[in-house]
C-alpha atoms as a PDB file:
ATOM      1  CA  MET A   1     -13.236   8.313 -25.763  1.00  0.00           C
ATOM      2  CA  ILE A   2      -9.824   8.646 -24.426  1.00  0.00           C
ATOM      3  CA  ASP A   3      -6.607   6.723 -26.263  1.00  0.00           C
ATOM      4  CA  THR A   4      -5.559   5.292 -23.180  1.00  0.00           C
ATOM      5  CA  GLY A   5      -3.003   3.061 -25.477  1.00  0.00           C
ATOM      6  CA  GLU A   6      -3.435  -0.763 -25.092  1.00  0.00           C
ATOM      7  CA  SER A   7      -5.098  -2.542 -22.603  1.00  0.00           C
ATOM      8  CA  ARG A   8      -1.603  -3.324 -19.535  1.00  0.00           C
ATOM      9  CA  SER A   9      -1.568  -6.421 -17.342  1.00  0.00           C
ATOM     10  CA  ILE A  10      -3.091  -5.503 -13.844  1.00  0.00           C
ATOM     11  CA  THR A  11      -1.134  -8.305 -12.405  1.00  0.00           C
ATOM     12  CA  GLY A  12       2.127  -7.014 -13.666  1.00  0.00           C
ATOM     13  CA  HIS A  13       1.614  -3.601 -12.679  1.00  0.00           C
ATOM     14  CA  ILE A  14       0.445  -4.711  -9.318  1.00  0.00           C
ATOM     15  CA  VAL A  15       4.304  -6.459  -9.323  1.00  0.00           C
ATOM     16  CA  SER A  16       5.693  -3.697 -10.590  1.00  0.00           C
ATOM     17  CA  GLY A  17       3.724  -1.105  -8.297  1.00  0.00           C
ATOM     18  CA  ALA A  18       5.006  -2.963  -5.033  1.00  0.00           C
ATOM     19  CA  ALA A  19       8.304  -3.493  -6.403  1.00  0.00           C
ATOM     20  CA  ALA A  20       8.743   0.271  -6.988  1.00  0.00           C
ATOM     21  CA  SER A  21       6.945   0.999  -3.509  1.00  0.00           C
ATOM     22  CA  ALA A  22       9.550  -1.317  -1.837  1.00  0.00           C
ATOM     23  CA  ILE A  23      12.514   0.519  -3.303  1.00  0.00           C
ATOM     24  CA  VAL A  24      11.136   3.734  -2.081  1.00  0.00           C
ATOM     25  CA  ALA A  25       9.890   2.824   1.229  1.00  0.00           C
ATOM     26  CA  THR A  26      12.957   0.889   2.015  1.00  0.00           C
ATOM     27  CA  GLY A  27      15.249   3.524   1.368  1.00  0.00           C
ATOM     28  CA  ILE A  28      13.468   6.288   3.100  1.00  0.00           C
ATOM     29  CA  ASN A  29      12.557   3.765   6.073  1.00  0.00           C
ATOM     30  CA  TYR A  30      16.226   2.903   6.482  1.00  0.00           C
ATOM     31  CA  ASN A  31      17.095   6.569   6.349  1.00  0.00           C
ATOM     32  CA  HIS A  32      14.991   7.090   9.546  1.00  0.00           C
ATOM     33  CA  TYR A  33      16.507   3.698  11.132  1.00  0.00           C
ATOM     34  CA  ALA A  34      20.229   4.788  10.443  1.00  0.00           C
ATOM     35  CA  LYS A  35      19.035   8.207  12.466  1.00  0.00           C
ATOM     36  CA  ASN A  36      17.890   6.364  14.952  1.00  0.00           C
ATOM     37  CA  GLU A  37      14.410   8.136  14.412  1.00  0.00           C
ATOM     38  CA  ILE A  38      12.860   4.648  14.296  1.00  0.00           C
ATOM     39  CA  SER A  39      13.259   1.343  15.256  1.00  0.00           C
ATOM     40  CA  LYS A  40      14.276  -1.837  12.843  1.00  0.00           C
ATOM     41  CA  ASN A  41      10.777  -3.523  13.374  1.00  0.00           C
ATOM     42  CA  GLN A  42       9.080  -0.179  12.702  1.00  0.00           C
ATOM     43  CA  ALA A  43      11.324   0.209   9.387  1.00  0.00           C
ATOM     44  CA  ILE A  44      10.454  -3.388   8.388  1.00  0.00           C
ATOM     45  CA  GLN A  45       6.802  -3.027   9.221  1.00  0.00           C
ATOM     46  CA  ASN A  46       6.399   0.112   7.757  1.00  0.00           C
ATOM     47  CA  SER A  47       8.035  -0.816   4.185  1.00  0.00           C
ATOM     48  CA  ILE A  48       6.071  -3.660   4.019  1.00  0.00           C
ATOM     49  CA  LYS A  49       2.886  -1.882   4.603  1.00  0.00           C
ATOM     50  CA  LEU A  50       4.035   0.763   1.727  1.00  0.00           C
ATOM     51  CA  THR A  51       4.858  -2.014  -0.500  1.00  0.00           C
ATOM     52  CA  ALA A  52       1.351  -3.904  -0.347  1.00  0.00           C
ATOM     53  CA  GLN A  53      -0.289  -0.271  -0.792  1.00  0.00           C
ATOM     54  CA  GLY A  54       1.705   0.507  -3.638  1.00  0.00           C
ATOM     55  CA  GLY A  55       0.788  -2.391  -5.512  1.00  0.00           C
ATOM     56  CA  ILE A  56      -2.439  -1.798  -4.574  1.00  0.00           C
ATOM     57  CA  ALA A  57      -2.735   1.513  -6.158  1.00  0.00           C
ATOM     58  CA  THR A  58      -0.999   0.972  -8.883  1.00  0.00           C
ATOM     59  CA  GLY A  59      -2.995  -1.930 -10.039  1.00  0.00           C
ATOM     60  CA  SER A  60      -5.869  -0.393  -9.105  1.00  0.00           C
ATOM     61  CA  ALA A  61      -4.499   2.687 -11.572  1.00  0.00           C
ATOM     62  CA  ILE A  62      -4.145   0.406 -14.195  1.00  0.00           C
ATOM     63  CA  ALA A  63      -7.350  -1.529 -14.341  1.00  0.00           C
ATOM     64  CA  THR A  64      -9.042   2.353 -14.241  1.00  0.00           C
ATOM     65  CA  THR A  65      -7.183   3.568 -17.412  1.00  0.00           C
ATOM     66  CA  ASN A  66      -7.983   0.243 -18.906  1.00  0.00           C
ATOM     67  CA  TYR A  67     -11.593   0.711 -18.134  1.00  0.00           C
ATOM     68  CA  ILE A  68     -11.358   4.619 -19.475  1.00  0.00           C
ATOM     69  CA  GLY A  69      -9.625   3.237 -22.485  1.00  0.00           C
ATOM     70  CA  ARG A  70     -12.928   1.370 -23.267  1.00  0.00           C
ATOM     71  CA  GLY A  71     -15.303   4.025 -22.437  1.00  0.00           C
ATOM     72  CA  ASN A  72     -16.449   1.998 -19.495  1.00  0.00           C
ATOM     73  CA  TYR A  73     -16.307   4.940 -16.981  1.00  0.00           C
ATOM     74  CA  MET A  74     -18.381   2.766 -14.258  1.00  0.00           C
ATOM     75  CA  GLY A  75     -15.860   0.127 -14.318  1.00  0.00           C
ATOM     76  CA  ALA A  76     -13.062   2.783 -13.970  1.00  0.00           C
ATOM     77  CA  LEU A  77     -14.915   4.250 -11.053  1.00  0.00           C
ATOM     78  CA  THR A  78     -15.274   0.994  -9.598  1.00  0.00           C
ATOM     79  CA  ALA A  79     -11.370  -0.249  -9.798  1.00  0.00           C
ATOM     80  CA  LEU A  80     -10.598   3.367  -8.246  1.00  0.00           C
ATOM     81  CA  THR A  81     -12.823   2.950  -5.344  1.00  0.00           C
ATOM     82  CA  LEU A  82     -11.209  -0.611  -5.219  1.00  0.00           C
ATOM     83  CA  GLY A  83      -7.821   1.163  -5.092  1.00  0.00           C
ATOM     84  CA  MET A  84      -8.756   3.434  -2.504  1.00  0.00           C
ATOM     85  CA  THR A  85     -10.434   1.165  -0.230  1.00  0.00           C
ATOM     86  CA  GLY A  86      -7.715  -1.264  -0.684  1.00  0.00           C
ATOM     87  CA  VAL A  87      -5.170   1.220   0.543  1.00  0.00           C
ATOM     88  CA  TYR A  88      -7.365   2.232   3.384  1.00  0.00           C
ATOM     89  CA  ALA A  89      -8.153  -1.205   4.731  1.00  0.00           C
ATOM     90  CA  ILE A  90      -4.189  -1.796   5.117  1.00  0.00           C
ATOM     91  CA  GLU A  91      -3.878   1.199   6.713  1.00  0.00           C
ATOM     92  CA  LYS A  92      -6.474   0.646   9.169  1.00  0.00           C
ATOM     93  CA  VAL A  93      -5.348  -3.217   9.883  1.00  0.00           C
ATOM     94  CA  VAL A  94      -2.170  -1.789  10.533  1.00  0.00           C
ATOM     95  CA  GLU A  95      -3.301   0.990  12.837  1.00  0.00           C
ATOM     96  CA  LYS A  96      -5.277  -1.958  15.003  1.00  0.00           C
ATOM     97  CA  LEU A  97      -2.157  -4.136  14.933  1.00  0.00           C
ATOM     98  CA  ASN A  98      -0.054  -1.320  16.561  1.00  0.00           C
ATOM     99  CA  GLU A  99      -2.820  -0.499  18.654  1.00  0.00           C
ATOM    100  CA  LYS A 100      -3.053  -4.504  19.870  1.00  0.00           C
ATOM    101  CA  LYS A 101       0.674  -4.873  20.475  1.00  0.00           C
ATOM    102  CA  ALA A 102       0.423  -1.281  22.475  1.00  0.00           C
ATOM    103  CA  LEU A 103      -2.370  -2.855  24.612  1.00  0.00           C
ATOM    104  CA  GLU A 104      -0.703  -5.980  25.156  1.00  0.00           C
ATOM    105  CA  ALA A 105       2.732  -4.191  26.289  1.00  0.00           C
ATOM    106  CA  ASN A 106       0.875  -2.462  28.876  1.00  0.00           C
ATOM    107  CA  THR A 107      -0.893  -5.241  30.466  1.00  0.00           C
ATOM    108  CA  GLU A 108       2.679  -6.930  30.203  1.00  0.00           C
ATOM    109  CA  LYS A 109       3.866  -4.072  31.836  1.00  0.00           C
ATOM    110  CA  ALA A 110       1.174  -3.712  34.636  1.00  0.00           C
ATOM    111  CA  GLY A 111       1.679  -7.262  35.341  1.00  0.00           C
ATOM    112  CA  GLU A 112       5.172  -6.950  36.137  1.00  0.00           C
END
């Protein structure tokens, strides 16, 4: 068995991961916004997306480590898979929302 230390609070680490991700994502996106590489809305939306993904990834990583520490490798694999699925799901939802916005914008433009 691998000694991973004491079990850690998954919920607490989701919040910590989201906060850390928000700090990094907001800094990076603000830099792109300040250079006029992306719009203010794009910077905000990307920061929110990365914050949620960071929270999910961190919570999943802590859950995975907790399971490994207990020798429950099936639980670890499940937690890891759920984390990857959550991050992927957010990516796909944002992608679909952006496609919908683009389609609506094109429809409005065609109606003018």
